[in-house]
């Protein structure tokens, strides 16, 4: 098992086990989409910045939709392309606030 596989397994474990009620993959995807739109980028532009030599669009689209987890390396690459810290892609504060607001109203 390679180091990248171990990181992927650890991230998948974190996203699905520690944040199951909040669906960690959706949080990651929503944060990517939020930061991408804040930068005025299309998904095609971001995909090209993350992997300029390959077709990353469909992969990124599935990540944004919360249907696909990704490796830690990919999170770092996406964050670099968005010029943000990787930790900003895993923040759950906004999602918690949305859940609180939804449950109150």
C-alpha atoms as a PDB file:
ATOM      1  CA  UNK A   1       0.000   0.000   0.000  1.00  0.00           C
ATOM      2  CA  UNK A   2       1.429   3.350  -1.013  1.00  0.00           C
ATOM      3  CA  UNK A   3       1.531   6.483   1.107  1.00  0.00           C
ATOM      4  CA  UNK A   4      -1.036   8.121  -1.161  1.00  0.00           C
ATOM      5  CA  UNK A   5      -3.425   5.179  -0.694  1.00  0.00           C
ATOM      6  CA  UNK A   6      -3.039   5.430   3.073  1.00  0.00           C
ATOM      7  CA  UNK A   7      -3.788   9.171   2.941  1.00  0.00           C
ATOM      8  CA  UNK A   8      -6.837   8.520   0.764  1.00  0.00           C
ATOM      9  CA  UNK A   9      -8.110   5.860   3.173  1.00  0.00           C
ATOM     10  CA  UNK A  10      -7.510   8.159   6.157  1.00  0.00           C
ATOM     11  CA  UNK A  11      -9.368  11.032   4.492  1.00  0.00           C
ATOM     12  CA  UNK A  12     -12.251   8.787   3.461  1.00  0.00           C
ATOM     13  CA  UNK A  13     -12.429   7.512   7.034  1.00  0.00           C
ATOM     14  CA  UNK A  14     -12.470  11.083   8.387  1.00  0.00           C
ATOM     15  CA  UNK A  15     -15.098  12.319   5.940  1.00  0.00           C
ATOM     16  CA  UNK A  16     -17.439   9.369   6.375  1.00  0.00           C
ATOM     17  CA  UNK A  17     -16.923   8.336   9.990  1.00  0.00           C
ATOM     18  CA  UNK A  18     -16.349  11.539  11.894  1.00  0.00           C
ATOM     19  CA  UNK A  19     -18.764  13.657   9.894  1.00  0.00           C
ATOM     20  CA  UNK A  20     -21.457  11.191   8.731  1.00  0.00           C
ATOM     21  CA  UNK A  21     -24.410  13.297   9.845  1.00  0.00           C
ATOM     22  CA  UNK A  22     -23.021  16.216   7.886  1.00  0.00           C
ATOM     23  CA  UNK A  23     -21.819  14.132   4.910  1.00  0.00           C
ATOM     24  CA  UNK A  24     -18.165  15.098   4.757  1.00  0.00           C
ATOM     25  CA  UNK A  25     -17.920  14.636   0.993  1.00  0.00           C
ATOM     26  CA  UNK A  26     -20.718  17.161   0.481  1.00  0.00           C
ATOM     27  CA  UNK A  27     -19.031  19.619   2.838  1.00  0.00           C
ATOM     28  CA  UNK A  28     -15.811  19.283   0.857  1.00  0.00           C
ATOM     29  CA  UNK A  29     -17.665  19.700  -2.439  1.00  0.00           C
ATOM     30  CA  UNK A  30     -19.681  22.673  -1.223  1.00  0.00           C
ATOM     31  CA  UNK A  31     -16.533  24.379   0.039  1.00  0.00           C
ATOM     32  CA  UNK A  32     -14.752  23.827  -3.275  1.00  0.00           C
ATOM     33  CA  UNK A  33     -17.726  25.265  -5.153  1.00  0.00           C
ATOM     34  CA  UNK A  34     -18.029  28.223  -2.750  1.00  0.00           C
ATOM     35  CA  UNK A  35     -14.350  29.177  -3.074  1.00  0.00           C
ATOM     36  CA  UNK A  36     -14.358  28.584  -6.834  1.00  0.00           C
ATOM     37  CA  UNK A  37     -17.317  30.902  -7.315  1.00  0.00           C
ATOM     38  CA  UNK A  38     -15.811  33.496  -4.961  1.00  0.00           C
ATOM     39  CA  UNK A  39     -12.789  33.537  -7.294  1.00  0.00           C
ATOM     40  CA  UNK A  40     -15.069  33.885 -10.328  1.00  0.00           C
ATOM     41  CA  UNK A  41     -13.866  30.607 -11.818  1.00  0.00           C
ATOM     42  CA  UNK A  42     -15.812  28.030 -13.774  1.00  0.00           C
ATOM     43  CA  UNK A  43     -15.418  24.367 -12.950  1.00  0.00           C
ATOM     44  CA  UNK A  44     -13.596  23.927 -16.274  1.00  0.00           C
ATOM     45  CA  UNK A  45     -11.092  26.656 -15.329  1.00  0.00           C
ATOM     46  CA  UNK A  46     -10.455  25.147 -11.910  1.00  0.00           C
ATOM     47  CA  UNK A  47     -10.067  21.662 -13.371  1.00  0.00           C
ATOM     48  CA  UNK A  48      -7.500  23.038 -15.824  1.00  0.00           C
ATOM     49  CA  UNK A  49      -5.529  24.676 -13.026  1.00  0.00           C
ATOM     50  CA  UNK A  50      -5.540  21.532 -10.896  1.00  0.00           C
ATOM     51  CA  UNK A  51      -4.524  19.177 -13.737  1.00  0.00           C
ATOM     52  CA  UNK A  52      -3.458  21.227 -16.776  1.00  0.00           C
ATOM     53  CA  UNK A  53      -2.327  18.150 -18.697  1.00  0.00           C
ATOM     54  CA  UNK A  54      -5.412  16.000 -18.202  1.00  0.00           C
ATOM     55  CA  UNK A  55      -9.190  15.847 -18.147  1.00  0.00           C
ATOM     56  CA  UNK A  56     -10.086  16.529 -14.523  1.00  0.00           C
ATOM     57  CA  UNK A  57     -13.472  18.132 -15.170  1.00  0.00           C
ATOM     58  CA  UNK A  58     -15.684  15.078 -14.611  1.00  0.00           C
ATOM     59  CA  UNK A  59     -13.697  14.082 -11.518  1.00  0.00           C
ATOM     60  CA  UNK A  60     -13.956  17.597 -10.057  1.00  0.00           C
ATOM     61  CA  UNK A  61     -17.653  17.762 -10.889  1.00  0.00           C
ATOM     62  CA  UNK A  62     -18.304  14.557  -8.911  1.00  0.00           C
ATOM     63  CA  UNK A  63     -16.217  15.889  -6.001  1.00  0.00           C
ATOM     64  CA  UNK A  64     -18.222  19.141  -5.949  1.00  0.00           C
ATOM     65  CA  UNK A  65     -21.483  17.180  -5.963  1.00  0.00           C
ATOM     66  CA  UNK A  66     -20.324  15.188  -2.930  1.00  0.00           C
ATOM     67  CA  UNK A  67     -20.385  11.932  -4.854  1.00  0.00           C
ATOM     68  CA  UNK A  68     -16.662  11.267  -4.797  1.00  0.00           C
ATOM     69  CA  UNK A  69     -14.002  11.565  -2.121  1.00  0.00           C
ATOM     70  CA  UNK A  70     -10.525  12.542  -3.191  1.00  0.00           C
ATOM     71  CA  UNK A  71      -6.992  12.111  -1.959  1.00  0.00           C
ATOM     72  CA  UNK A  72      -5.244  14.527   0.365  1.00  0.00           C
ATOM     73  CA  UNK A  73      -2.926  15.332  -2.532  1.00  0.00           C
ATOM     74  CA  UNK A  74      -5.925  16.366  -4.647  1.00  0.00           C
ATOM     75  CA  UNK A  75      -7.277  18.558  -1.838  1.00  0.00           C
ATOM     76  CA  UNK A  76      -3.896  20.301  -1.659  1.00  0.00           C
ATOM     77  CA  UNK A  77      -3.852  20.734  -5.460  1.00  0.00           C
ATOM     78  CA  UNK A  78      -7.366  22.188  -5.494  1.00  0.00           C
ATOM     79  CA  UNK A  79      -6.539  24.532  -2.606  1.00  0.00           C
ATOM     80  CA  UNK A  80      -3.361  25.661  -4.389  1.00  0.00           C
ATOM     81  CA  UNK A  81      -5.332  26.360  -7.566  1.00  0.00           C
ATOM     82  CA  UNK A  82      -7.851  28.367  -5.521  1.00  0.00           C
ATOM     83  CA  UNK A  83      -5.045  30.119  -3.610  1.00  0.00           C
ATOM     84  CA  UNK A  84      -6.464  29.105  -0.225  1.00  0.00           C
ATOM     85  CA  UNK A  85      -5.361  26.890   2.653  1.00  0.00           C
ATOM     86  CA  UNK A  86      -6.329  23.216   2.277  1.00  0.00           C
ATOM     87  CA  UNK A  87      -8.032  23.376   5.676  1.00  0.00           C
ATOM     88  CA  UNK A  88     -10.527  25.877   4.248  1.00  0.00           C
ATOM     89  CA  UNK A  89     -11.918  23.096   2.073  1.00  0.00           C
ATOM     90  CA  UNK A  90     -12.771  21.022   5.141  1.00  0.00           C
ATOM     91  CA  UNK A  91     -14.362  23.750   7.253  1.00  0.00           C
ATOM     92  CA  UNK A  92     -17.761  22.760   8.567  1.00  0.00           C
ATOM     93  CA  UNK A  93     -18.772  25.943  10.376  1.00  0.00           C
ATOM     94  CA  UNK A  94     -21.015  27.215   7.560  1.00  0.00           C
ATOM     95  CA  UNK A  95     -22.678  23.824   7.200  1.00  0.00           C
ATOM     96  CA  UNK A  96     -23.387  23.645  10.924  1.00  0.00           C
ATOM     97  CA  UNK A  97     -24.864  27.147  10.844  1.00  0.00           C
ATOM     98  CA  UNK A  98     -27.059  26.219   7.888  1.00  0.00           C
ATOM     99  CA  UNK A  99     -28.282  23.130   9.771  1.00  0.00           C
ATOM    100  CA  UNK A 100     -29.023  25.207  12.879  1.00  0.00           C
ATOM    101  CA  UNK A 101     -30.891  27.806  10.827  1.00  0.00           C
ATOM    102  CA  UNK A 102     -32.838  25.082   9.020  1.00  0.00           C
ATOM    103  CA  UNK A 103     -33.855  23.384  12.275  1.00  0.00           C
ATOM    104  CA  UNK A 104     -34.883  26.651  13.930  1.00  0.00           C
ATOM    105  CA  UNK A 105     -37.184  27.801  11.129  1.00  0.00           C
END
